[in-house]
Amino acid sequence: MVALLFISVLVVAIASAETQAAYSIGQSWAPFIAFTCIAWLIAYGTAAWLYFGNPYLFSMAYIVALAVFHLGVLVPYALGMIDVQDWTAGPGRWFKLAGWYTALAFGLFGIGFAATCLRNCRRRSTSGQYDDDAVADWNIARLRNLAVGLAIAAILGLFIATLKLGNLLAYTRFDLFFRASDPRFLSLFFYMGPTAALALVVTARTPKQRLASYSFGACILIIVLLSGNRSWAFFPLLAGAVLWAKLGRRIPLTVSAGIIAGVLLVIPVIAMLRSMGTYEHLSLRDLEASQEQSSITGALREMGASLGTLAVTLQYIPREEPYRFGRQYLLYLRQAIPNIGLSASKEYSRDTIYQRIRSNPRYVLELDPADWASWKLIPDSFLAGAGTGYSAIAEAYFSFGYVGVAVWFIGLGWFLARMDLTDMRTHYRWLIFATFFFWSLPVTARNTFGVFTKPAALILSVMAIWVLVRRFTPLRRPPAPRRAQTSIR
């Protein structure tokens, strides 16, 4: 951790100097940035693995997401594997700046992470091993009970969505999520389903529980992949692998590598399939064509587009538009309030936003960062509902500039180090967060923080309802073990 702290400080110093320097664009600007980022990633991965004894860490999951979505284009470009138009011309300056801000974010994260680990003092439990095991079993039983409530909500959401929308396979992905008259129950399914599947799989202990949980998880994975929402498949898998190891189970590294390679292959195939039309009209020939046109390089290039949203943010702010000073976080809180009306709200629809921009051009300053980036990058497709995603680095800069990036990533390094240092089995609140809420956090690496707050608010609402109604069902709250009550935390 001392070595990681030193390297992180060095990376921050280099990146800070480069972000403040006036420089020109040439043919060889990308290799130095790529080398700096890769060197830090190797230092972090080695230090974290040696310190914790395995690579299954919450911090590792977030860093993997941040690296893939910001370096997926930059590193292949630096290695000469691909060519990107205009990166050696004037516009390339902003991508170069975005690359150094990516290195800066890595270094800042490393400072917060390493400093927290260095200050950690591992305390021995004052309770006996029996009590710790009893508390762990009780916590897992309580967690599974809550997961059952989320699973019921997911099934109800899919059932009602099918009643309201009809055959879901008759829709394209775009029509299903952006043009459907009322997609709220579909959203309920996609927020609850992967979360419930993750929780049920990691808490399954008996053969019957494993059969039911693994079957439910497989069904959710297939449905989510067919929908084209790859994030709702990939990130729960990523978080589930970490939590599986944190709860005392083993995952061979060969299995993990195989799953990662399989996911990277599936992502472009699913993307190609969803662009070909509805599933009910797809044929085996279409599947073969999508496989032929897909590659891991293509997947990385697609996922690495977050660097572009970071570049456009650096280009416009603060030269042409002011910092937002956290204004978008109030918007996320408003959007997180569940819509329980008789009809879906149109307040944040693209039609409404477009009309507001036309009537008052300064309304652009009120936009969600992802909508703002889409308006800047693809204005012709914006009205139709197309989006560009966003970037965690860009969002911190969007509000407070360099200071925002520094505070956010040092704080995030501290927080995820605390998670990795905590025994999830005996700390129920941390276990709840890690199981139900964490998987949305890496998604923010390629989007706004709203993709964390909105599902979190809905999950909390469903959990509250389940706690109220479960007393009238056979699935009541598991009783606490008597001998472990003094060590419950």
Protein backbone atom coordinates (compact mmCIF):
# COMPACT_ATOMS: atom_id res chain seq x y z
CA MET A 1 0.00 0.00 0.00
CA VAL A 2 2.95 2.35 0.60
CA ALA A 3 4.12 1.63 -2.95
CA LEU A 4 0.60 2.21 -4.31
CA LEU A 5 0.34 5.49 -2.42
CA PHE A 6 3.68 6.68 -3.81
CA ILE A 7 2.78 5.72 -7.39
CA SER A 8 -0.67 7.31 -7.06
CA VAL A 9 0.83 10.60 -5.84
CA LEU A 10 3.28 10.51 -8.76
CA VAL A 11 0.47 9.88 -11.28
CA VAL A 12 -1.59 12.72 -9.79
CA ALA A 13 1.38 15.07 -10.05
CA ILE A 14 2.07 14.18 -13.70
CA ALA A 15 -1.60 14.29 -14.72
CA SER A 16 -2.20 17.57 -12.89
CA ALA A 17 0.73 19.19 -14.66
CA GLU A 18 -0.46 17.91 -18.05
CA THR A 19 -4.04 19.08 -17.52
CA GLN A 20 -2.82 22.60 -16.79
CA ALA A 21 -0.25 22.79 -19.58
CA ALA A 22 -0.76 24.35 -22.99
CA TYR A 23 0.21 21.72 -25.50
CA SER A 24 -0.24 20.87 -29.13
CA ILE A 25 -1.56 17.72 -30.74
CA GLY A 26 0.82 15.40 -32.50
CA GLN A 27 0.97 11.80 -33.65
CA SER A 28 2.30 10.37 -30.38
CA TRP A 29 0.30 11.93 -27.56
CA ALA A 30 -1.69 8.78 -26.65
CA PRO A 31 1.10 6.28 -25.71
CA PHE A 32 2.32 8.27 -22.70
CA ILE A 33 -1.22 8.56 -21.31
CA ALA A 34 -1.91 4.87 -21.95
CA PHE A 35 1.39 3.88 -20.29
CA THR A 36 0.63 6.04 -17.24
CA CYS A 37 -2.85 4.57 -16.82
CA ILE A 38 -1.72 0.98 -17.37
CA ALA A 39 1.19 1.42 -14.94
CA TRP A 40 -1.20 2.65 -12.26
CA LEU A 41 -3.67 -0.19 -12.95
CA ILE A 42 -0.87 -2.75 -12.57
CA ALA A 43 0.29 -1.10 -9.33
CA TYR A 44 -3.23 -0.99 -7.92
CA GLY A 45 -4.09 -4.55 -8.96
CA THR A 46 -0.87 -5.95 -7.51
CA ALA A 47 -1.11 -4.01 -4.25
CA ALA A 48 -4.78 -4.83 -3.70
CA TRP A 49 -4.30 -8.52 -4.52
CA LEU A 50 -1.30 -8.86 -2.19
CA TYR A 51 -3.00 -6.95 0.63
CA PHE A 52 -6.36 -8.76 0.52
CA GLY A 53 -5.14 -12.09 -0.81
CA ASN A 54 -7.50 -12.23 -3.81
CA PRO A 55 -8.73 -9.99 -6.64
CA TYR A 56 -12.42 -10.21 -5.71
CA LEU A 57 -12.84 -6.71 -4.33
CA PHE A 58 -15.55 -4.07 -4.60
CA SER A 59 -12.90 -1.50 -5.44
CA MET A 60 -11.55 -3.77 -8.18
CA ALA A 61 -15.03 -4.06 -9.71
CA TYR A 62 -15.37 -0.28 -9.89
CA ILE A 63 -11.87 0.26 -11.28
CA VAL A 64 -12.45 -2.39 -13.96
CA ALA A 65 -15.58 -0.53 -15.06
CA LEU A 66 -13.86 2.87 -14.99
CA ALA A 67 -10.89 1.56 -16.99
CA VAL A 68 -12.91 -0.29 -19.62
CA PHE A 69 -15.25 2.61 -20.31
CA HIS A 70 -12.53 5.26 -20.48
CA LEU A 71 -9.60 3.35 -21.96
CA GLY A 72 -11.47 1.03 -24.33
CA VAL A 73 -10.63 3.29 -27.29
CA LEU A 74 -7.58 5.14 -25.98
CA VAL A 75 -5.37 2.10 -25.33
CA PRO A 76 -6.03 0.38 -28.70
CA TYR A 77 -5.41 3.74 -30.38
CA ALA A 78 -2.14 4.19 -28.48
CA LEU A 79 -1.04 0.68 -29.52
CA GLY A 80 -1.84 1.34 -33.16
CA MET A 81 -4.64 -1.24 -33.25
CA ILE A 82 -7.28 1.25 -34.40
CA ASP A 83 -7.36 4.69 -35.97
CA VAL A 84 -9.66 7.44 -34.74
CA GLN A 85 -10.49 10.29 -37.06
CA ASP A 86 -9.51 13.81 -35.90
CA TRP A 87 -7.51 12.63 -32.86
CA THR A 88 -4.36 14.08 -34.42
CA ALA A 89 -6.15 17.32 -35.39
CA GLY A 90 -7.58 20.17 -33.33
CA PRO A 91 -10.44 18.20 -31.68
CA GLY A 92 -7.90 15.66 -30.47
CA ARG A 93 -6.74 18.17 -27.85
CA TRP A 94 -9.86 17.52 -25.81
CA PHE A 95 -9.43 13.76 -26.00
CA LYS A 96 -5.84 14.17 -24.86
CA LEU A 97 -7.06 16.28 -21.94
CA ALA A 98 -9.74 13.66 -21.20
CA GLY A 99 -7.05 10.98 -21.15
CA TRP A 100 -5.04 12.90 -18.54
CA TYR A 101 -8.15 13.45 -16.43
CA THR A 102 -8.69 9.69 -16.55
CA ALA A 103 -5.15 9.14 -15.25
CA LEU A 104 -5.80 11.81 -12.62
CA ALA A 105 -8.94 10.00 -11.44
CA PHE A 106 -7.02 6.72 -11.11
CA GLY A 107 -4.29 8.38 -9.06
CA LEU A 108 -6.73 10.18 -6.76
CA PHE A 109 -8.66 6.96 -6.20
CA GLY A 110 -5.39 5.23 -5.33
CA ILE A 111 -4.53 7.89 -2.74
CA GLY A 112 -7.85 7.47 -0.95
CA PHE A 113 -7.73 3.67 -1.19
CA ALA A 114 -4.11 3.21 -0.07
CA ALA A 115 -4.35 5.75 2.76
CA THR A 116 -7.45 4.02 4.15
CA CYS A 117 -5.81 0.59 4.01
CA LEU A 118 -2.69 1.94 5.72
CA ARG A 119 -4.76 3.41 8.54
CA ASN A 120 -6.77 0.24 8.98
CA CYS A 121 -6.24 -1.66 12.19
CA ARG A 122 -7.72 -5.14 11.95
CA ARG A 123 -9.51 -5.87 15.21
CA ARG A 124 -10.09 -9.30 16.58
CA SER A 125 -13.67 -10.09 17.33
CA THR A 126 -14.51 -10.09 21.03
CA SER A 127 -17.16 -12.74 20.47
CA GLY A 128 -16.55 -16.42 19.98
CA GLN A 129 -16.30 -18.15 16.64
CA TYR A 130 -19.67 -19.79 17.25
CA ASP A 131 -21.31 -16.42 17.75
CA ASP A 132 -19.72 -15.00 14.60
CA ASP A 133 -20.92 -17.97 12.55
CA ALA A 134 -24.40 -17.72 14.05
CA VAL A 135 -24.62 -14.00 13.27
CA ALA A 136 -23.39 -14.63 9.73
CA ASP A 137 -26.02 -17.33 9.17
CA TRP A 138 -28.74 -15.08 10.56
CA ASN A 139 -27.66 -12.14 8.40
CA ILE A 140 -27.71 -14.30 5.28
CA ALA A 141 -31.17 -15.62 6.20
CA ARG A 142 -32.48 -12.05 6.68
CA LEU A 143 -30.91 -10.98 3.40
CA ARG A 144 -32.53 -13.88 1.57
CA ASN A 145 -35.91 -12.99 3.03
CA LEU A 146 -35.63 -9.45 1.62
CA ALA A 147 -34.49 -10.88 -1.72
CA VAL A 148 -37.68 -12.94 -1.92
CA GLY A 149 -39.68 -9.72 -1.65
CA LEU A 150 -37.70 -8.14 -4.49
CA ALA A 151 -38.18 -11.28 -6.61
CA ILE A 152 -41.95 -11.14 -6.10
CA ALA A 153 -41.95 -7.47 -7.13
CA ALA A 154 -39.90 -8.31 -10.25
CA ILE A 155 -42.30 -11.07 -11.30
CA LEU A 156 -45.31 -8.82 -10.74
CA GLY A 157 -43.64 -6.04 -12.73
CA LEU A 158 -42.98 -8.33 -15.70
CA PHE A 159 -46.51 -9.75 -15.55
CA ILE A 160 -48.20 -6.33 -15.48
CA ALA A 161 -45.85 -4.98 -18.19
CA THR A 162 -46.84 -7.90 -20.43
CA LEU A 163 -50.52 -7.21 -19.79
CA LYS A 164 -50.13 -3.53 -20.63
CA LEU A 165 -47.70 -3.80 -23.55
CA GLY A 166 -48.49 -7.20 -25.01
CA ASN A 167 -45.84 -9.41 -26.60
CA LEU A 168 -42.54 -7.87 -25.48
CA LEU A 169 -40.64 -9.71 -28.24
CA ALA A 170 -42.60 -7.70 -30.80
CA TYR A 171 -40.80 -4.53 -29.72
CA THR A 172 -37.36 -3.34 -30.64
CA ARG A 173 -35.23 -2.30 -27.67
CA PHE A 174 -35.65 1.35 -28.60
CA ASP A 175 -39.45 1.11 -28.85
CA LEU A 176 -39.70 -0.89 -25.65
CA PHE A 177 -37.82 1.54 -23.43
CA PHE A 178 -38.26 4.89 -25.16
CA ARG A 179 -41.56 4.77 -27.04
CA ALA A 180 -43.74 2.53 -24.89
CA SER A 181 -46.70 4.42 -23.44
CA ASP A 182 -46.01 3.29 -19.87
CA PRO A 183 -42.70 1.47 -19.22
CA ARG A 184 -42.85 1.83 -15.41
CA PHE A 185 -43.59 -1.81 -14.63
CA LEU A 186 -40.95 -2.91 -17.09
CA SER A 187 -38.50 -0.69 -15.23
CA LEU A 188 -39.66 -2.26 -11.97
CA PHE A 189 -38.74 -5.68 -13.35
CA PHE A 190 -35.32 -4.61 -14.61
CA TYR A 191 -34.43 -2.89 -11.35
CA MET A 192 -35.72 -5.66 -9.08
CA GLY A 193 -34.98 -8.76 -11.16
CA PRO A 194 -31.16 -8.64 -11.39
CA THR A 195 -30.91 -7.42 -7.78
CA ALA A 196 -33.10 -10.23 -6.48
CA ALA A 197 -31.27 -12.82 -8.59
CA LEU A 198 -27.89 -11.67 -7.25
CA ALA A 199 -29.10 -11.85 -3.64
CA LEU A 200 -30.83 -15.21 -4.01
CA VAL A 201 -27.81 -16.84 -5.66
CA VAL A 202 -25.26 -15.68 -3.07
CA THR A 203 -27.53 -16.61 -0.13
CA ALA A 204 -28.53 -20.08 -1.35
CA ARG A 205 -27.31 -22.69 1.12
CA THR A 206 -29.50 -25.82 0.81
CA PRO A 207 -29.96 -27.90 -2.37
CA LYS A 208 -33.55 -26.69 -2.78
CA GLN A 209 -32.48 -23.07 -2.38
CA ARG A 210 -29.70 -23.52 -4.92
CA LEU A 211 -32.04 -25.11 -7.47
CA ALA A 212 -34.63 -22.37 -7.13
CA SER A 213 -32.12 -19.50 -6.95
CA TYR A 214 -29.90 -20.61 -9.82
CA SER A 215 -32.94 -21.24 -12.04
CA PHE A 216 -34.34 -17.79 -11.23
CA GLY A 217 -30.95 -16.19 -11.86
CA ALA A 218 -30.56 -17.93 -15.23
CA CYS A 219 -34.03 -16.79 -16.35
CA ILE A 220 -33.32 -13.20 -15.32
CA LEU A 221 -29.97 -13.25 -17.12
CA ILE A 222 -31.53 -14.51 -20.36
CA ILE A 223 -34.38 -11.98 -20.26
CA VAL A 224 -32.03 -9.10 -19.51
CA LEU A 225 -29.64 -10.06 -22.31
CA LEU A 226 -32.49 -10.43 -24.77
CA SER A 227 -33.75 -6.98 -23.82
CA GLY A 228 -30.42 -5.50 -24.90
CA ASN A 229 -29.72 -3.90 -21.51
CA ARG A 230 -26.30 -5.39 -21.10
CA SER A 231 -25.41 -3.30 -18.05
CA TRP A 232 -28.18 -4.99 -16.06
CA ALA A 233 -26.56 -8.33 -16.84
CA PHE A 234 -22.84 -7.54 -16.64
CA PHE A 235 -22.71 -5.45 -13.45
CA PRO A 236 -24.82 -7.75 -11.23
CA LEU A 237 -22.56 -10.60 -12.39
CA LEU A 238 -19.50 -8.54 -11.50
CA ALA A 239 -20.84 -7.57 -8.08
CA GLY A 240 -22.09 -11.10 -7.47
CA ALA A 241 -18.64 -12.58 -8.08
CA VAL A 242 -17.13 -10.22 -5.51
CA LEU A 243 -19.85 -10.86 -2.95
CA TRP A 244 -19.64 -14.62 -3.50
CA ALA A 245 -15.97 -14.49 -2.50
CA LYS A 246 -16.62 -12.07 0.38
CA LEU A 247 -19.09 -14.55 1.86
CA GLY A 248 -16.42 -17.22 2.03
CA ARG A 249 -16.82 -19.08 -1.26
CA ARG A 250 -14.24 -19.68 -3.96
CA ILE A 251 -14.20 -18.80 -7.67
CA PRO A 252 -11.30 -20.19 -9.72
CA LEU A 253 -9.57 -17.46 -11.71
CA THR A 254 -9.93 -19.53 -14.88
CA VAL A 255 -13.71 -19.48 -14.43
CA SER A 256 -13.68 -15.71 -13.89
CA ALA A 257 -11.54 -15.16 -16.99
CA GLY A 258 -13.86 -17.36 -19.05
CA ILE A 259 -16.94 -15.48 -17.88
CA ILE A 260 -15.34 -12.11 -18.67
CA ALA A 261 -14.34 -13.27 -22.15
CA GLY A 262 -17.82 -14.68 -22.74
CA VAL A 263 -19.48 -11.44 -21.65
CA LEU A 264 -17.22 -9.39 -23.93
CA LEU A 265 -18.22 -11.64 -26.83
CA VAL A 266 -21.91 -11.57 -26.00
CA ILE A 267 -22.11 -7.76 -25.65
CA PRO A 268 -21.49 -6.91 -29.34
CA VAL A 269 -23.60 -9.86 -30.52
CA ILE A 270 -26.60 -8.71 -28.48
CA ALA A 271 -26.08 -5.12 -29.63
CA MET A 272 -26.05 -6.24 -33.27
CA LEU A 273 -29.13 -8.41 -32.80
CA ARG A 274 -31.14 -5.63 -31.20
CA SER A 275 -30.31 -3.32 -34.11
CA MET A 276 -31.71 -5.84 -36.60
CA GLY A 277 -35.29 -5.52 -35.41
CA THR A 278 -37.67 -7.42 -33.13
CA TYR A 279 -36.77 -10.87 -31.82
CA GLU A 280 -39.89 -12.52 -33.20
CA HIS A 281 -38.65 -11.70 -36.73
CA LEU A 282 -35.01 -12.71 -36.21
CA SER A 283 -33.68 -15.89 -37.78
CA LEU A 284 -30.68 -18.15 -37.31
CA ARG A 285 -29.05 -16.40 -40.25
CA ASP A 286 -29.36 -13.07 -38.40
CA LEU A 287 -27.63 -14.61 -35.38
CA GLU A 288 -24.79 -15.91 -37.53
CA ALA A 289 -24.44 -12.50 -39.20
CA SER A 290 -24.27 -10.73 -35.82
CA GLN A 291 -21.54 -13.13 -34.67
CA GLU A 292 -19.51 -12.52 -37.82
CA GLN A 293 -19.73 -8.74 -37.42
CA SER A 294 -18.89 -8.72 -33.71
CA SER A 295 -15.53 -8.85 -31.95
CA ILE A 296 -14.02 -8.13 -28.53
CA THR A 297 -12.17 -5.18 -30.06
CA GLY A 298 -15.49 -3.81 -31.25
CA ALA A 299 -16.98 -4.28 -27.80
CA LEU A 300 -14.11 -2.42 -26.15
CA ARG A 301 -14.36 0.37 -28.71
CA GLU A 302 -18.10 0.71 -28.08
CA MET A 303 -17.68 0.68 -24.30
CA GLY A 304 -14.75 3.11 -24.42
CA ALA A 305 -16.98 5.90 -25.71
CA SER A 306 -17.18 7.49 -22.23
CA LEU A 307 -13.92 9.24 -23.07
CA GLY A 308 -15.86 11.22 -25.69
CA THR A 309 -18.40 12.52 -23.18
CA LEU A 310 -15.53 13.51 -20.88
CA ALA A 311 -13.84 15.31 -23.78
CA VAL A 312 -16.95 17.31 -24.72
CA THR A 313 -17.43 18.29 -21.06
CA LEU A 314 -13.86 19.59 -20.87
CA GLN A 315 -14.37 21.43 -24.15
CA TYR A 316 -17.45 23.40 -23.08
CA ILE A 317 -16.97 23.82 -19.33
CA PRO A 318 -16.01 26.38 -18.11
CA ARG A 319 -14.97 28.05 -21.40
CA GLU A 320 -18.53 28.39 -22.75
CA GLU A 321 -20.79 27.25 -19.92
CA PRO A 322 -20.45 27.56 -16.12
CA TYR A 323 -19.91 24.77 -13.62
CA ARG A 324 -23.20 23.40 -12.30
CA PHE A 325 -22.18 23.26 -8.60
CA GLY A 326 -24.14 20.09 -7.87
CA ARG A 327 -27.40 21.22 -9.45
CA GLN A 328 -27.87 17.86 -11.18
CA TYR A 329 -27.91 15.98 -7.86
CA LEU A 330 -31.13 17.75 -6.89
CA LEU A 331 -32.53 16.60 -10.22
CA TYR A 332 -31.56 13.00 -9.44
CA LEU A 333 -33.37 13.20 -6.11
CA ARG A 334 -36.54 14.40 -7.83
CA GLN A 335 -36.27 11.70 -10.48
CA ALA A 336 -35.73 9.06 -7.79
CA ILE A 337 -39.19 9.59 -6.29
CA PRO A 338 -41.26 6.61 -7.52
CA ASN A 339 -44.05 7.56 -9.91
CA ILE A 340 -47.17 5.92 -8.48
CA GLY A 341 -49.71 7.90 -10.49
CA LEU A 342 -52.19 6.46 -12.93
CA SER A 343 -50.02 7.37 -15.91
CA ALA A 344 -46.32 7.70 -16.61
CA SER A 345 -44.84 11.15 -16.04
CA LYS A 346 -43.66 13.01 -19.15
CA GLU A 347 -41.75 15.70 -17.24
CA TYR A 348 -38.35 14.35 -18.25
CA SER A 349 -39.25 12.98 -21.68
CA ARG A 350 -37.22 14.10 -24.70
CA ASP A 351 -40.25 15.85 -26.22
CA THR A 352 -40.70 17.96 -23.08
CA ILE A 353 -36.99 18.74 -22.85
CA TYR A 354 -36.82 19.70 -26.53
CA GLN A 355 -39.78 22.07 -26.22
CA ARG A 356 -38.21 23.73 -23.20
CA ILE A 357 -34.90 24.20 -25.03
CA ARG A 358 -36.68 25.75 -28.01
CA SER A 359 -38.60 28.18 -25.82
CA ASN A 360 -35.56 29.03 -23.67
CA PRO A 361 -32.07 28.11 -24.97
CA ARG A 362 -30.61 28.59 -21.48
CA TYR A 363 -32.61 25.58 -20.32
CA VAL A 364 -29.62 23.58 -21.58
CA LEU A 365 -27.96 24.54 -18.29
CA GLU A 366 -30.70 22.65 -16.41
CA LEU A 367 -30.25 19.37 -18.29
CA ASP A 368 -29.16 16.10 -16.79
CA PRO A 369 -25.44 15.69 -17.73
CA ALA A 370 -26.18 12.66 -19.93
CA ASP A 371 -28.92 14.57 -21.78
CA TRP A 372 -26.61 17.58 -22.04
CA ALA A 373 -23.84 15.47 -23.62
CA SER A 374 -26.33 13.84 -26.01
CA TRP A 375 -27.59 17.29 -27.02
CA LYS A 376 -24.03 18.41 -27.74
CA LEU A 377 -22.83 15.26 -29.52
CA ILE A 378 -25.88 13.91 -31.38
CA PRO A 379 -28.44 16.73 -31.57
CA ASP A 380 -30.20 15.18 -34.58
CA SER A 381 -30.82 11.90 -32.72
CA PHE A 382 -31.52 13.50 -29.35
CA LEU A 383 -35.24 14.02 -29.92
CA ALA A 384 -35.73 10.43 -31.00
CA GLY A 385 -34.42 9.26 -27.62
CA ALA A 386 -30.87 8.27 -28.49
CA GLY A 387 -28.22 8.87 -25.82
CA THR A 388 -24.47 8.85 -25.34
CA GLY A 389 -24.22 7.85 -21.69
CA TYR A 390 -21.81 9.85 -19.60
CA SER A 391 -18.73 9.54 -17.39
CA ALA A 392 -18.13 9.53 -13.63
CA ILE A 393 -15.04 11.68 -14.18
CA ALA A 394 -16.96 14.12 -16.36
CA GLU A 395 -19.80 14.40 -13.83
CA ALA A 396 -17.45 15.36 -11.00
CA TYR A 397 -15.85 17.95 -13.31
CA PHE A 398 -19.28 19.06 -14.59
CA SER A 399 -20.12 20.47 -11.15
CA PHE A 400 -16.85 21.58 -9.56
CA GLY A 401 -14.03 21.20 -12.09
CA TYR A 402 -10.67 19.84 -10.96
CA VAL A 403 -11.64 20.14 -7.28
CA GLY A 404 -14.75 18.05 -7.86
CA VAL A 405 -12.72 15.26 -9.48
CA ALA A 406 -10.23 15.35 -6.59
CA VAL A 407 -12.84 15.20 -3.82
CA TRP A 408 -15.01 12.58 -5.51
CA PHE A 409 -12.31 10.06 -6.36
CA ILE A 410 -10.36 10.38 -3.10
CA GLY A 411 -13.66 9.90 -1.26
CA LEU A 412 -14.64 6.98 -3.47
CA GLY A 413 -11.27 5.31 -2.86
CA TRP A 414 -11.81 5.72 0.90
CA PHE A 415 -15.37 4.36 0.75
CA LEU A 416 -14.59 1.28 -1.35
CA ALA A 417 -11.53 0.51 0.78
CA ARG A 418 -13.83 0.55 3.82
CA MET A 419 -16.14 -1.89 2.04
CA ASP A 420 -13.28 -4.23 1.18
CA LEU A 421 -11.96 -4.11 4.75
CA THR A 422 -15.35 -4.99 6.27
CA ASP A 423 -16.44 -8.55 7.04
CA MET A 424 -19.72 -8.64 5.12
CA ARG A 425 -20.94 -11.72 6.92
CA THR A 426 -21.20 -10.07 10.33
CA HIS A 427 -21.99 -6.46 9.34
CA TYR A 428 -25.58 -6.56 8.16
CA ARG A 429 -25.90 -2.96 6.92
CA TRP A 430 -22.79 -3.27 4.79
CA LEU A 431 -24.09 -6.61 3.52
CA ILE A 432 -27.38 -5.00 2.50
CA PHE A 433 -25.60 -2.23 0.61
CA ALA A 434 -23.17 -4.62 -1.07
CA THR A 435 -25.94 -6.93 -2.23
CA PHE A 436 -28.79 -4.62 -3.23
CA PHE A 437 -27.14 -1.33 -4.08
CA PHE A 438 -23.47 -1.73 -4.95
CA TRP A 439 -23.88 -3.14 -8.47
CA SER A 440 -25.39 0.18 -9.63
CA LEU A 441 -22.27 2.07 -8.50
CA PRO A 442 -19.92 0.76 -11.23
CA VAL A 443 -22.63 1.64 -13.77
CA THR A 444 -22.03 5.30 -12.87
CA ALA A 445 -18.56 4.95 -14.41
CA ARG A 446 -20.24 5.23 -17.81
CA ASN A 447 -23.31 7.23 -16.86
CA THR A 448 -24.56 9.74 -14.34
CA PHE A 449 -25.07 9.20 -10.61
CA GLY A 450 -28.79 9.11 -11.32
CA VAL A 451 -28.45 5.49 -12.45
CA PHE A 452 -27.55 4.73 -8.82
CA THR A 453 -30.09 6.90 -6.98
CA LYS A 454 -33.16 5.93 -9.03
CA PRO A 455 -32.96 2.13 -8.60
CA ALA A 456 -31.79 2.61 -5.00
CA ALA A 457 -34.92 4.60 -4.16
CA LEU A 458 -37.17 2.01 -5.84
CA ILE A 459 -35.44 -0.89 -4.09
CA LEU A 460 -35.82 0.86 -0.73
CA SER A 461 -39.54 1.41 -1.44
CA VAL A 462 -40.12 -2.24 -2.36
CA MET A 463 -38.14 -3.41 0.67
CA ALA A 464 -40.26 -1.20 2.95
CA ILE A 465 -43.48 -2.60 1.46
CA TRP A 466 -42.20 -6.16 1.83
CA VAL A 467 -41.26 -5.62 5.50
CA LEU A 468 -44.82 -4.42 6.14
CA VAL A 469 -46.63 -7.24 4.32
CA ARG A 470 -44.41 -10.24 5.05
CA ARG A 471 -45.81 -10.57 8.57
CA PHE A 472 -49.05 -11.73 6.94
CA THR A 473 -47.26 -14.43 4.93
CA PRO A 474 -45.34 -17.59 5.89
CA LEU A 475 -42.12 -15.75 4.89
CA ARG A 476 -41.63 -13.81 8.10
CA ARG A 477 -38.40 -12.29 9.40
CA PRO A 478 -36.00 -15.04 10.56
CA PRO A 479 -35.54 -15.10 14.37
CA ALA A 480 -32.20 -14.08 15.84
CA PRO A 481 -29.98 -16.83 17.29
CA ARG A 482 -29.97 -16.63 21.09
CA ARG A 483 -26.26 -17.23 21.72
CA ALA A 484 -25.25 -14.62 19.14
CA GLN A 485 -27.44 -11.72 20.21
CA THR A 486 -24.62 -10.04 22.15
CA SER A 487 -22.39 -9.94 19.04
CA ILE A 488 -24.97 -8.69 16.56
CA ARG A 489 -23.73 -5.53 14.82
